[in-house]
């Protein structure tokens, strides 16, 4: 097998300026390199991913990122932070359209680039019986490959425009604590076929062809859920005990994991007609949990 040696230079720079006890501004720049590539299947069906190495023909992924941030102590114990970032990536790897993965994975992939940019807001309450945080992210992410989507840029699988998370904890007693978390985000992106037809190839016969539309042109439903837990603490001799009673996905939200194609057959006179429809597949409904922790 042919061999190739890669070298990388990965500087990271950060500057911080605190001009008062309540205000701080910061800036950063980093350049990174990764010698493993993540391959995603983004069409209908169970999302799959594999990791493959860089080879003599496939260079490592390279990226650079820059950003600025601002922190402000709004009130005593309350902190507000805002960050803006921009990132570019080269030598990304993805499947070519119509890839078959039975043998040589290198022959079924192509390289390109991508971008990611956006802003983040984080509000924290760090003191008192009730503590918590709330974070919001507004972001964009896209990809471009010469052999994919006609060379046009398309939205990345994780181009999730809005992402909101919050968590809290409240001390009811010294030995009793209530905590919870809420998550909301725009759904994943995926690709749907627009048409299926047969073509006749000389010497081969009829071949089934699937025509896809815009890469990652479809959007899963918004994802959201609420988790709650009650924590009980007690002490015996030199041993600390913690008992947690929790509920995951309290209101039983059916967040789709992927779409599957289901077929049904109906008789129409002397003909059998096949109908196909997309059905969402979801996991993890409302789940109670019990955790017990001991510290010596």
C-alpha atoms as a PDB file:
ATOM      1  CA  UNK A   1       0.000   0.000   0.000  1.00  0.00           C
ATOM      2  CA  UNK A   2       1.263   3.536  -0.733  1.00  0.00           C
ATOM      3  CA  UNK A   3       2.424   5.502   2.284  1.00  0.00           C
ATOM      4  CA  UNK A   4       2.240   9.186   3.014  1.00  0.00           C
ATOM      5  CA  UNK A   5       3.329  11.299   5.964  1.00  0.00           C
ATOM      6  CA  UNK A   6       1.313  14.276   7.189  1.00  0.00           C
ATOM      7  CA  UNK A   7       2.443  16.979   9.566  1.00  0.00           C
ATOM      8  CA  UNK A   8       0.292  19.538  11.321  1.00  0.00           C
ATOM      9  CA  UNK A   9       0.703  22.926  12.950  1.00  0.00           C
ATOM     10  CA  UNK A  10      -2.088  23.629  15.433  1.00  0.00           C
ATOM     11  CA  UNK A  11      -1.727  27.002  17.183  1.00  0.00           C
ATOM     12  CA  UNK A  12      -4.295  28.208  19.708  1.00  0.00           C
ATOM     13  CA  UNK A  13      -4.429  31.835  20.773  1.00  0.00           C
ATOM     14  CA  UNK A  14      -6.657  33.528  23.320  1.00  0.00           C
ATOM     15  CA  UNK A  15      -6.759  37.054  24.721  1.00  0.00           C
ATOM     16  CA  UNK A  16      -8.857  38.277  27.642  1.00  0.00           C
ATOM     17  CA  UNK A  17      -9.417  41.779  28.897  1.00  0.00           C
ATOM     18  CA  UNK A  18     -11.269  42.496  32.132  1.00  0.00           C
ATOM     19  CA  UNK A  19     -11.787  46.241  32.318  1.00  0.00           C
ATOM     20  CA  UNK A  20     -13.881  46.151  35.505  1.00  0.00           C
ATOM     21  CA  UNK A  21     -15.087  43.692  38.113  1.00  0.00           C
ATOM     22  CA  UNK A  22     -18.296  43.161  36.101  1.00  0.00           C
ATOM     23  CA  UNK A  23     -17.196  43.273  32.438  1.00  0.00           C
ATOM     24  CA  UNK A  24     -14.887  41.045  30.421  1.00  0.00           C
ATOM     25  CA  UNK A  25     -14.166  40.738  26.695  1.00  0.00           C
ATOM     26  CA  UNK A  26     -12.241  37.882  25.063  1.00  0.00           C
ATOM     27  CA  UNK A  27     -11.113  36.750  21.615  1.00  0.00           C
ATOM     28  CA  UNK A  28      -9.699  33.493  20.320  1.00  0.00           C
ATOM     29  CA  UNK A  29      -8.233  31.812  17.257  1.00  0.00           C
ATOM     30  CA  UNK A  30      -7.378  28.152  16.729  1.00  0.00           C
ATOM     31  CA  UNK A  31      -6.227  25.887  13.932  1.00  0.00           C
ATOM     32  CA  UNK A  32      -6.858  22.157  14.262  1.00  0.00           C
ATOM     33  CA  UNK A  33      -6.254  18.982  12.314  1.00  0.00           C
ATOM     34  CA  UNK A  34      -7.923  15.580  12.598  1.00  0.00           C
ATOM     35  CA  UNK A  35      -6.687  12.309  11.127  1.00  0.00           C
ATOM     36  CA  UNK A  36     -10.011  10.456  11.407  1.00  0.00           C
ATOM     37  CA  UNK A  37     -13.076  11.168   9.263  1.00  0.00           C
ATOM     38  CA  UNK A  38     -16.716  10.685  10.252  1.00  0.00           C
ATOM     39  CA  UNK A  39     -19.004   9.379   7.498  1.00  0.00           C
ATOM     40  CA  UNK A  40     -22.778   9.892   7.823  1.00  0.00           C
ATOM     41  CA  UNK A  41     -25.627   8.281   5.968  1.00  0.00           C
ATOM     42  CA  UNK A  42     -28.235  11.061   5.668  1.00  0.00           C
ATOM     43  CA  UNK A  43     -30.922   9.447   3.527  1.00  0.00           C
ATOM     44  CA  UNK A  44     -34.175   7.908   4.793  1.00  0.00           C
ATOM     45  CA  UNK A  45     -33.662   5.147   7.335  1.00  0.00           C
ATOM     46  CA  UNK A  46     -31.688   4.629  10.501  1.00  0.00           C
ATOM     47  CA  UNK A  47     -28.842   7.185  10.590  1.00  0.00           C
ATOM     48  CA  UNK A  48     -25.514   5.393  10.527  1.00  0.00           C
ATOM     49  CA  UNK A  49     -21.993   6.659  10.975  1.00  0.00           C
ATOM     50  CA  UNK A  50     -18.539   5.154  10.721  1.00  0.00           C
ATOM     51  CA  UNK A  51     -15.044   6.484  11.373  1.00  0.00           C
ATOM     52  CA  UNK A  52     -12.331   6.001   8.755  1.00  0.00           C
ATOM     53  CA  UNK A  53      -8.655   7.046   8.827  1.00  0.00           C
ATOM     54  CA  UNK A  54      -6.728   9.407   6.618  1.00  0.00           C
ATOM     55  CA  UNK A  55      -4.872   7.561   3.873  1.00  0.00           C
ATOM     56  CA  UNK A  56      -2.371   8.284   1.115  1.00  0.00           C
ATOM     57  CA  UNK A  57      -5.319   9.499  -0.996  1.00  0.00           C
ATOM     58  CA  UNK A  58      -7.374  11.211   1.715  1.00  0.00           C
ATOM     59  CA  UNK A  59      -5.740  14.058   3.622  1.00  0.00           C
ATOM     60  CA  UNK A  60      -6.584  14.901   7.254  1.00  0.00           C
ATOM     61  CA  UNK A  61      -9.386  17.329   8.006  1.00  0.00           C
ATOM     62  CA  UNK A  62      -8.180  20.857   8.702  1.00  0.00           C
ATOM     63  CA  UNK A  63     -10.095  23.693  10.302  1.00  0.00           C
ATOM     64  CA  UNK A  64      -9.620  27.159  11.686  1.00  0.00           C
ATOM     65  CA  UNK A  65     -11.968  28.997  14.017  1.00  0.00           C
ATOM     66  CA  UNK A  66     -12.138  32.495  15.400  1.00  0.00           C
ATOM     67  CA  UNK A  67     -14.528  34.255  17.728  1.00  0.00           C
ATOM     68  CA  UNK A  68     -15.145  36.982  20.256  1.00  0.00           C
ATOM     69  CA  UNK A  69     -17.067  36.966  23.510  1.00  0.00           C
ATOM     70  CA  UNK A  70     -18.411  39.261  26.188  1.00  0.00           C
ATOM     71  CA  UNK A  71     -19.305  38.535  29.820  1.00  0.00           C
ATOM     72  CA  UNK A  72     -21.293  40.776  32.156  1.00  0.00           C
ATOM     73  CA  UNK A  73     -22.163  40.319  35.819  1.00  0.00           C
ATOM     74  CA  UNK A  74     -25.724  41.647  35.620  1.00  0.00           C
ATOM     75  CA  UNK A  75     -26.369  41.360  39.371  1.00  0.00           C
ATOM     76  CA  UNK A  76     -24.487  39.698  42.189  1.00  0.00           C
ATOM     77  CA  UNK A  77     -24.562  35.990  41.396  1.00  0.00           C
ATOM     78  CA  UNK A  78     -26.029  36.534  37.892  1.00  0.00           C
ATOM     79  CA  UNK A  79     -23.745  36.186  34.856  1.00  0.00           C
ATOM     80  CA  UNK A  80     -24.598  36.872  31.189  1.00  0.00           C
ATOM     81  CA  UNK A  81     -22.201  35.746  28.443  1.00  0.00           C
ATOM     82  CA  UNK A  82     -22.379  36.131  24.677  1.00  0.00           C
ATOM     83  CA  UNK A  83     -20.082  34.596  22.055  1.00  0.00           C
ATOM     84  CA  UNK A  84     -19.851  34.898  18.262  1.00  0.00           C
ATOM     85  CA  UNK A  85     -17.862  32.380  16.212  1.00  0.00           C
ATOM     86  CA  UNK A  86     -16.891  31.492  12.633  1.00  0.00           C
ATOM     87  CA  UNK A  87     -15.301  28.216  11.490  1.00  0.00           C
ATOM     88  CA  UNK A  88     -14.090  26.834   8.157  1.00  0.00           C
ATOM     89  CA  UNK A  89     -13.179  23.190   7.475  1.00  0.00           C
ATOM     90  CA  UNK A  90     -11.262  21.596   4.577  1.00  0.00           C
ATOM     91  CA  UNK A  91     -10.802  17.976   3.466  1.00  0.00           C
ATOM     92  CA  UNK A  92     -14.175  16.842   4.774  1.00  0.00           C
ATOM     93  CA  UNK A  93     -15.239  13.382   3.645  1.00  0.00           C
ATOM     94  CA  UNK A  94     -18.694  12.194   2.575  1.00  0.00           C
ATOM     95  CA  UNK A  95     -20.351   9.475   0.501  1.00  0.00           C
ATOM     96  CA  UNK A  96     -20.815  10.111  -3.207  1.00  0.00           C
ATOM     97  CA  UNK A  97     -24.366   9.906  -4.523  1.00  0.00           C
ATOM     98  CA  UNK A  98     -25.360   6.325  -5.246  1.00  0.00           C
ATOM     99  CA  UNK A  99     -22.479   4.920  -3.181  1.00  0.00           C
ATOM    100  CA  UNK A 100     -22.169   1.168  -2.642  1.00  0.00           C
ATOM    101  CA  UNK A 101     -20.218   0.261   0.470  1.00  0.00           C
ATOM    102  CA  UNK A 102     -19.589  -3.437   0.014  1.00  0.00           C
ATOM    103  CA  UNK A 103     -15.885  -3.202  -0.746  1.00  0.00           C
ATOM    104  CA  UNK A 104     -13.682  -0.131  -1.208  1.00  0.00           C
ATOM    105  CA  UNK A 105     -14.997   2.748   0.936  1.00  0.00           C
ATOM    106  CA  UNK A 106     -12.423   5.163  -0.549  1.00  0.00           C
ATOM    107  CA  UNK A 107     -13.901   4.715  -4.023  1.00  0.00           C
ATOM    108  CA  UNK A 108     -17.333   5.680  -2.678  1.00  0.00           C
ATOM    109  CA  UNK A 109     -16.352   8.942  -0.998  1.00  0.00           C
ATOM    110  CA  UNK A 110     -15.416  12.455  -2.037  1.00  0.00           C
ATOM    111  CA  UNK A 111     -13.817  15.411  -0.255  1.00  0.00           C
ATOM    112  CA  UNK A 112     -14.965  18.995   0.151  1.00  0.00           C
ATOM    113  CA  UNK A 113     -15.298  21.790   2.681  1.00  0.00           C
ATOM    114  CA  UNK A 114     -17.708  23.375   5.103  1.00  0.00           C
ATOM    115  CA  UNK A 115     -18.532  26.354   7.282  1.00  0.00           C
ATOM    116  CA  UNK A 116     -20.163  26.909  10.665  1.00  0.00           C
ATOM    117  CA  UNK A 117     -20.979  30.228  12.287  1.00  0.00           C
ATOM    118  CA  UNK A 118     -23.373  31.713  14.777  1.00  0.00           C
ATOM    119  CA  UNK A 119     -23.811  33.157  18.241  1.00  0.00           C
ATOM    120  CA  UNK A 120     -24.422  31.825  21.746  1.00  0.00           C
ATOM    121  CA  UNK A 121     -26.044  33.382  24.803  1.00  0.00           C
ATOM    122  CA  UNK A 122     -25.734  32.000  28.330  1.00  0.00           C
ATOM    123  CA  UNK A 123     -27.412  33.325  31.479  1.00  0.00           C
ATOM    124  CA  UNK A 124     -26.379  31.783  34.811  1.00  0.00           C
ATOM    125  CA  UNK A 125     -27.482  32.181  38.412  1.00  0.00           C
ATOM    126  CA  UNK A 126     -24.577  30.921  40.479  1.00  0.00           C
ATOM    127  CA  UNK A 127     -25.594  31.605  44.081  1.00  0.00           C
ATOM    128  CA  UNK A 128     -28.542  31.047  46.404  1.00  0.00           C
ATOM    129  CA  UNK A 129     -30.914  28.182  47.161  1.00  0.00           C
ATOM    130  CA  UNK A 130     -32.154  28.314  43.561  1.00  0.00           C
ATOM    131  CA  UNK A 131     -29.485  28.068  40.882  1.00  0.00           C
ATOM    132  CA  UNK A 132     -29.685  27.529  37.172  1.00  0.00           C
ATOM    133  CA  UNK A 133     -28.745  28.486  33.659  1.00  0.00           C
ATOM    134  CA  UNK A 134     -30.349  29.082  30.274  1.00  0.00           C
ATOM    135  CA  UNK A 135     -28.528  28.959  26.958  1.00  0.00           C
ATOM    136  CA  UNK A 136     -29.574  29.806  23.409  1.00  0.00           C
ATOM    137  CA  UNK A 137     -27.636  29.200  20.177  1.00  0.00           C
ATOM    138  CA  UNK A 138     -28.416  30.602  16.730  1.00  0.00           C
ATOM    139  CA  UNK A 139     -26.220  28.850  14.171  1.00  0.00           C
ATOM    140  CA  UNK A 140     -25.658  27.959  10.524  1.00  0.00           C
ATOM    141  CA  UNK A 141     -23.633  25.091   9.039  1.00  0.00           C
ATOM    142  CA  UNK A 142     -23.181  24.051   5.424  1.00  0.00           C
ATOM    143  CA  UNK A 143     -21.074  21.805   3.190  1.00  0.00           C
ATOM    144  CA  UNK A 144     -19.773  21.923  -0.395  1.00  0.00           C
ATOM    145  CA  UNK A 145     -18.524  18.996  -2.478  1.00  0.00           C
ATOM    146  CA  UNK A 146     -17.864  19.125  -6.219  1.00  0.00           C
ATOM    147  CA  UNK A 147     -19.412  15.667  -6.717  1.00  0.00           C
ATOM    148  CA  UNK A 148     -22.422  16.181  -4.449  1.00  0.00           C
ATOM    149  CA  UNK A 149     -25.601  18.194  -5.051  1.00  0.00           C
ATOM    150  CA  UNK A 150     -24.279  19.482  -8.389  1.00  0.00           C
ATOM    151  CA  UNK A 151     -21.431  21.243  -6.604  1.00  0.00           C
ATOM    152  CA  UNK A 152     -23.863  23.582  -4.826  1.00  0.00           C
ATOM    153  CA  UNK A 153     -23.602  24.302  -1.109  1.00  0.00           C
ATOM    154  CA  UNK A 154     -26.126  22.483   1.034  1.00  0.00           C
ATOM    155  CA  UNK A 155     -27.082  22.523   4.688  1.00  0.00           C
ATOM    156  CA  UNK A 156     -25.240  20.150   6.989  1.00  0.00           C
ATOM    157  CA  UNK A 157     -27.059  17.396   8.890  1.00  0.00           C
ATOM    158  CA  UNK A 158     -26.463  19.322  12.136  1.00  0.00           C
ATOM    159  CA  UNK A 159     -27.568  22.687  10.744  1.00  0.00           C
ATOM    160  CA  UNK A 160     -29.984  23.162  13.626  1.00  0.00           C
ATOM    161  CA  UNK A 161     -30.956  26.805  13.469  1.00  0.00           C
ATOM    162  CA  UNK A 162     -32.232  27.205  17.032  1.00  0.00           C
ATOM    163  CA  UNK A 163     -31.044  25.423  20.145  1.00  0.00           C
ATOM    164  CA  UNK A 164     -32.320  26.277  23.621  1.00  0.00           C
ATOM    165  CA  UNK A 165     -31.407  24.519  26.868  1.00  0.00           C
ATOM    166  CA  UNK A 166     -32.071  25.357  30.490  1.00  0.00           C
ATOM    167  CA  UNK A 167     -31.444  23.694  33.811  1.00  0.00           C
ATOM    168  CA  UNK A 168     -32.178  24.493  37.442  1.00  0.00           C
ATOM    169  CA  UNK A 169     -31.759  23.151  40.944  1.00  0.00           C
ATOM    170  CA  UNK A 170     -33.590  24.240  44.104  1.00  0.00           C
ATOM    171  CA  UNK A 171     -32.701  23.271  47.673  1.00  0.00           C
ATOM    172  CA  UNK A 172     -35.999  22.549  49.420  1.00  0.00           C
ATOM    173  CA  UNK A 173     -34.147  21.377  52.542  1.00  0.00           C
ATOM    174  CA  UNK A 174     -30.517  20.707  53.381  1.00  0.00           C
ATOM    175  CA  UNK A 175     -31.154  17.081  52.500  1.00  0.00           C
ATOM    176  CA  UNK A 176     -33.642  17.569  49.638  1.00  0.00           C
ATOM    177  CA  UNK A 177     -33.099  19.067  46.197  1.00  0.00           C
ATOM    178  CA  UNK A 178     -35.345  19.420  43.116  1.00  0.00           C
ATOM    179  CA  UNK A 179     -33.661  19.742  39.717  1.00  0.00           C
ATOM    180  CA  UNK A 180     -34.728  19.731  36.103  1.00  0.00           C
ATOM    181  CA  UNK A 181     -33.716  20.423  32.526  1.00  0.00           C
ATOM    182  CA  UNK A 182     -35.558  21.447  29.373  1.00  0.00           C
ATOM    183  CA  UNK A 183     -34.237  21.039  25.815  1.00  0.00           C
ATOM    184  CA  UNK A 184     -35.552  22.468  22.542  1.00  0.00           C
ATOM    185  CA  UNK A 185     -33.818  22.408  19.167  1.00  0.00           C
ATOM    186  CA  UNK A 186     -34.551  22.507  15.465  1.00  0.00           C
ATOM    187  CA  UNK A 187     -34.655  19.011  13.978  1.00  0.00           C
ATOM    188  CA  UNK A 188     -31.913  17.223  12.065  1.00  0.00           C
ATOM    189  CA  UNK A 189     -31.665  17.524   8.292  1.00  0.00           C
ATOM    190  CA  UNK A 190     -31.905  14.552   5.943  1.00  0.00           C
ATOM    191  CA  UNK A 191     -32.424  13.672   2.273  1.00  0.00           C
ATOM    192  CA  UNK A 192     -35.560  12.261   0.649  1.00  0.00           C
ATOM    193  CA  UNK A 193     -35.801  10.687  -2.826  1.00  0.00           C
ATOM    194  CA  UNK A 194     -37.952  12.721  -5.241  1.00  0.00           C
ATOM    195  CA  UNK A 195     -38.476  10.084  -7.922  1.00  0.00           C
ATOM    196  CA  UNK A 196     -37.838   6.420  -8.745  1.00  0.00           C
ATOM    197  CA  UNK A 197     -37.802   5.114 -12.312  1.00  0.00           C
ATOM    198  CA  UNK A 198     -36.317   2.385 -14.524  1.00  0.00           C
ATOM    199  CA  UNK A 199     -33.845   2.895 -17.343  1.00  0.00           C
ATOM    200  CA  UNK A 200     -32.659   0.337 -19.876  1.00  0.00           C
ATOM    201  CA  UNK A 201     -28.916  -0.151 -20.261  1.00  0.00           C
ATOM    202  CA  UNK A 202     -27.516  -1.993 -23.294  1.00  0.00           C
ATOM    203  CA  UNK A 203     -26.413  -5.484 -22.386  1.00  0.00           C
ATOM    204  CA  UNK A 204     -27.745  -5.149 -18.825  1.00  0.00           C
ATOM    205  CA  UNK A 205     -31.469  -4.557 -19.052  1.00  0.00           C
ATOM    206  CA  UNK A 206     -33.647  -2.404 -16.857  1.00  0.00           C
ATOM    207  CA  UNK A 207     -32.021  -0.745 -13.838  1.00  0.00           C
ATOM    208  CA  UNK A 208     -33.861   0.924 -10.984  1.00  0.00           C
ATOM    209  CA  UNK A 209     -32.746   4.554 -10.517  1.00  0.00           C
ATOM    210  CA  UNK A 210     -33.478   6.691  -7.452  1.00  0.00           C
ATOM    211  CA  UNK A 211     -33.354  10.455  -8.005  1.00  0.00           C
ATOM    212  CA  UNK A 212     -32.683  12.583  -4.934  1.00  0.00           C
ATOM    213  CA  UNK A 213     -33.503  16.242  -4.506  1.00  0.00           C
ATOM    214  CA  UNK A 214     -31.484  18.837  -2.652  1.00  0.00           C
ATOM    215  CA  UNK A 215     -29.008  17.194  -0.276  1.00  0.00           C
ATOM    216  CA  UNK A 216     -30.330  17.472   3.301  1.00  0.00           C
ATOM    217  CA  UNK A 217     -33.308  19.397   1.959  1.00  0.00           C
ATOM    218  CA  UNK A 218     -35.735  17.887   4.490  1.00  0.00           C
ATOM    219  CA  UNK A 219     -36.103  18.750   8.156  1.00  0.00           C
ATOM    220  CA  UNK A 220     -37.075  16.516  11.050  1.00  0.00           C
ATOM    221  CA  UNK A 221     -39.670  17.889  13.516  1.00  0.00           C
ATOM    222  CA  UNK A 222     -38.413  20.075  16.355  1.00  0.00           C
ATOM    223  CA  UNK A 223     -36.898  18.163  19.257  1.00  0.00           C
ATOM    224  CA  UNK A 224     -37.924  18.973  22.822  1.00  0.00           C
ATOM    225  CA  UNK A 225     -38.320  17.266  26.188  1.00  0.00           C
ATOM    226  CA  UNK A 226     -38.436  17.954  29.952  1.00  0.00           C
ATOM    227  CA  UNK A 227     -36.552  15.986  32.619  1.00  0.00           C
ATOM    228  CA  UNK A 228     -37.127  16.265  36.385  1.00  0.00           C
ATOM    229  CA  UNK A 229     -35.450  14.665  39.381  1.00  0.00           C
ATOM    230  CA  UNK A 230     -35.716  14.702  43.167  1.00  0.00           C
ATOM    231  CA  UNK A 231     -32.438  14.238  45.036  1.00  0.00           C
ATOM    232  CA  UNK A 232     -32.233  13.042  48.634  1.00  0.00           C
ATOM    233  CA  UNK A 233     -28.969  13.315  50.614  1.00  0.00           C
ATOM    234  CA  UNK A 234     -28.108  11.692  53.943  1.00  0.00           C
ATOM    235  CA  UNK A 235     -25.027  10.792  55.938  1.00  0.00           C
ATOM    236  CA  UNK A 236     -24.090   7.713  57.970  1.00  0.00           C
ATOM    237  CA  UNK A 237     -20.751   7.662  59.790  1.00  0.00           C
ATOM    238  CA  UNK A 238     -18.122   8.563  57.155  1.00  0.00           C
ATOM    239  CA  UNK A 239     -20.308   7.597  54.205  1.00  0.00           C
ATOM    240  CA  UNK A 240     -22.342  10.035  52.071  1.00  0.00           C
ATOM    241  CA  UNK A 241     -25.495   8.745  50.383  1.00  0.00           C
ATOM    242  CA  UNK A 242     -27.464  10.254  47.483  1.00  0.00           C
ATOM    243  CA  UNK A 243     -30.754   8.903  46.171  1.00  0.00           C
ATOM    244  CA  UNK A 244     -32.140  10.305  42.925  1.00  0.00           C
ATOM    245  CA  UNK A 245     -35.695   9.751  41.686  1.00  0.00           C
ATOM    246  CA  UNK A 246     -35.988  10.998  38.124  1.00  0.00           C
ATOM    247  CA  UNK A 247     -38.277  11.160  35.113  1.00  0.00           C
ATOM    248  CA  UNK A 248     -36.879  11.439  31.586  1.00  0.00           C
ATOM    249  CA  UNK A 249     -39.151  13.022  28.947  1.00  0.00           C
ATOM    250  CA  UNK A 250     -41.836  13.919  31.460  1.00  0.00           C
ATOM    251  CA  UNK A 251     -44.613  14.708  28.960  1.00  0.00           C
ATOM    252  CA  UNK A 252     -43.757  11.725  26.721  1.00  0.00           C
ATOM    253  CA  UNK A 253     -42.746  13.713  23.638  1.00  0.00           C
ATOM    254  CA  UNK A 254     -42.337  11.437  20.590  1.00  0.00           C
ATOM    255  CA  UNK A 255     -39.164  12.848  19.082  1.00  0.00           C
ATOM    256  CA  UNK A 256     -38.519  11.043  15.757  1.00  0.00           C
ATOM    257  CA  UNK A 257     -35.093   9.456  15.416  1.00  0.00           C
ATOM    258  CA  UNK A 258     -35.495   8.734  11.705  1.00  0.00           C
ATOM    259  CA  UNK A 259     -38.081   8.008   9.006  1.00  0.00           C
ATOM    260  CA  UNK A 260     -38.689   4.563   7.572  1.00  0.00           C
ATOM    261  CA  UNK A 261     -40.459   3.591   4.340  1.00  0.00           C
ATOM    262  CA  UNK A 262     -43.416   1.260   4.861  1.00  0.00           C
ATOM    263  CA  UNK A 263     -45.175  -0.502   2.002  1.00  0.00           C
ATOM    264  CA  UNK A 264     -48.798  -1.602   1.733  1.00  0.00           C
ATOM    265  CA  UNK A 265     -50.554  -3.486  -1.067  1.00  0.00           C
ATOM    266  CA  UNK A 266     -54.113  -2.986  -2.289  1.00  0.00           C
ATOM    267  CA  UNK A 267     -56.106  -4.894  -4.888  1.00  0.00           C
ATOM    268  CA  UNK A 268     -57.469  -2.813  -7.763  1.00  0.00           C
ATOM    269  CA  UNK A 269     -59.375  -5.168 -10.024  1.00  0.00           C
ATOM    270  CA  UNK A 270     -56.822  -7.597 -11.422  1.00  0.00           C
ATOM    271  CA  UNK A 271     -53.884  -5.462 -10.314  1.00  0.00           C
ATOM    272  CA  UNK A 272     -52.011  -5.260  -7.042  1.00  0.00           C
ATOM    273  CA  UNK A 273     -50.970  -1.685  -6.302  1.00  0.00           C
ATOM    274  CA  UNK A 274     -48.093  -0.967  -3.962  1.00  0.00           C
ATOM    275  CA  UNK A 275     -48.241   2.183  -1.884  1.00  0.00           C
ATOM    276  CA  UNK A 276     -45.318   3.564   0.088  1.00  0.00           C
ATOM    277  CA  UNK A 277     -45.413   6.025   2.958  1.00  0.00           C
ATOM    278  CA  UNK A 278     -42.955   7.524   5.400  1.00  0.00           C
ATOM    279  CA  UNK A 279     -43.362   6.576   9.036  1.00  0.00           C
ATOM    280  CA  UNK A 280     -41.454   8.227  11.874  1.00  0.00           C
ATOM    281  CA  UNK A 281     -39.531   5.958  14.247  1.00  0.00           C
ATOM    282  CA  UNK A 282     -38.977   7.251  17.754  1.00  0.00           C
ATOM    283  CA  UNK A 283     -37.308   5.951  20.900  1.00  0.00           C
ATOM    284  CA  UNK A 284     -37.143   6.728  24.615  1.00  0.00           C
ATOM    285  CA  UNK A 285     -40.654   7.633  25.812  1.00  0.00           C
ATOM    286  CA  UNK A 286     -41.342   8.725  29.384  1.00  0.00           C
ATOM    287  CA  UNK A 287     -38.821   6.818  31.504  1.00  0.00           C
ATOM    288  CA  UNK A 288     -38.605   6.771  35.315  1.00  0.00           C
ATOM    289  CA  UNK A 289     -35.182   6.256  36.850  1.00  0.00           C
ATOM    290  CA  UNK A 290     -33.672   5.470  40.233  1.00  0.00           C
ATOM    291  CA  UNK A 291     -30.025   6.148  41.088  1.00  0.00           C
ATOM    292  CA  UNK A 292     -28.209   5.495  44.336  1.00  0.00           C
ATOM    293  CA  UNK A 293     -24.699   6.860  44.965  1.00  0.00           C
ATOM    294  CA  UNK A 294     -22.355   6.187  47.854  1.00  0.00           C
ATOM    295  CA  UNK A 295     -19.199   8.195  48.602  1.00  0.00           C
ATOM    296  CA  UNK A 296     -16.609   6.951  51.076  1.00  0.00           C
END
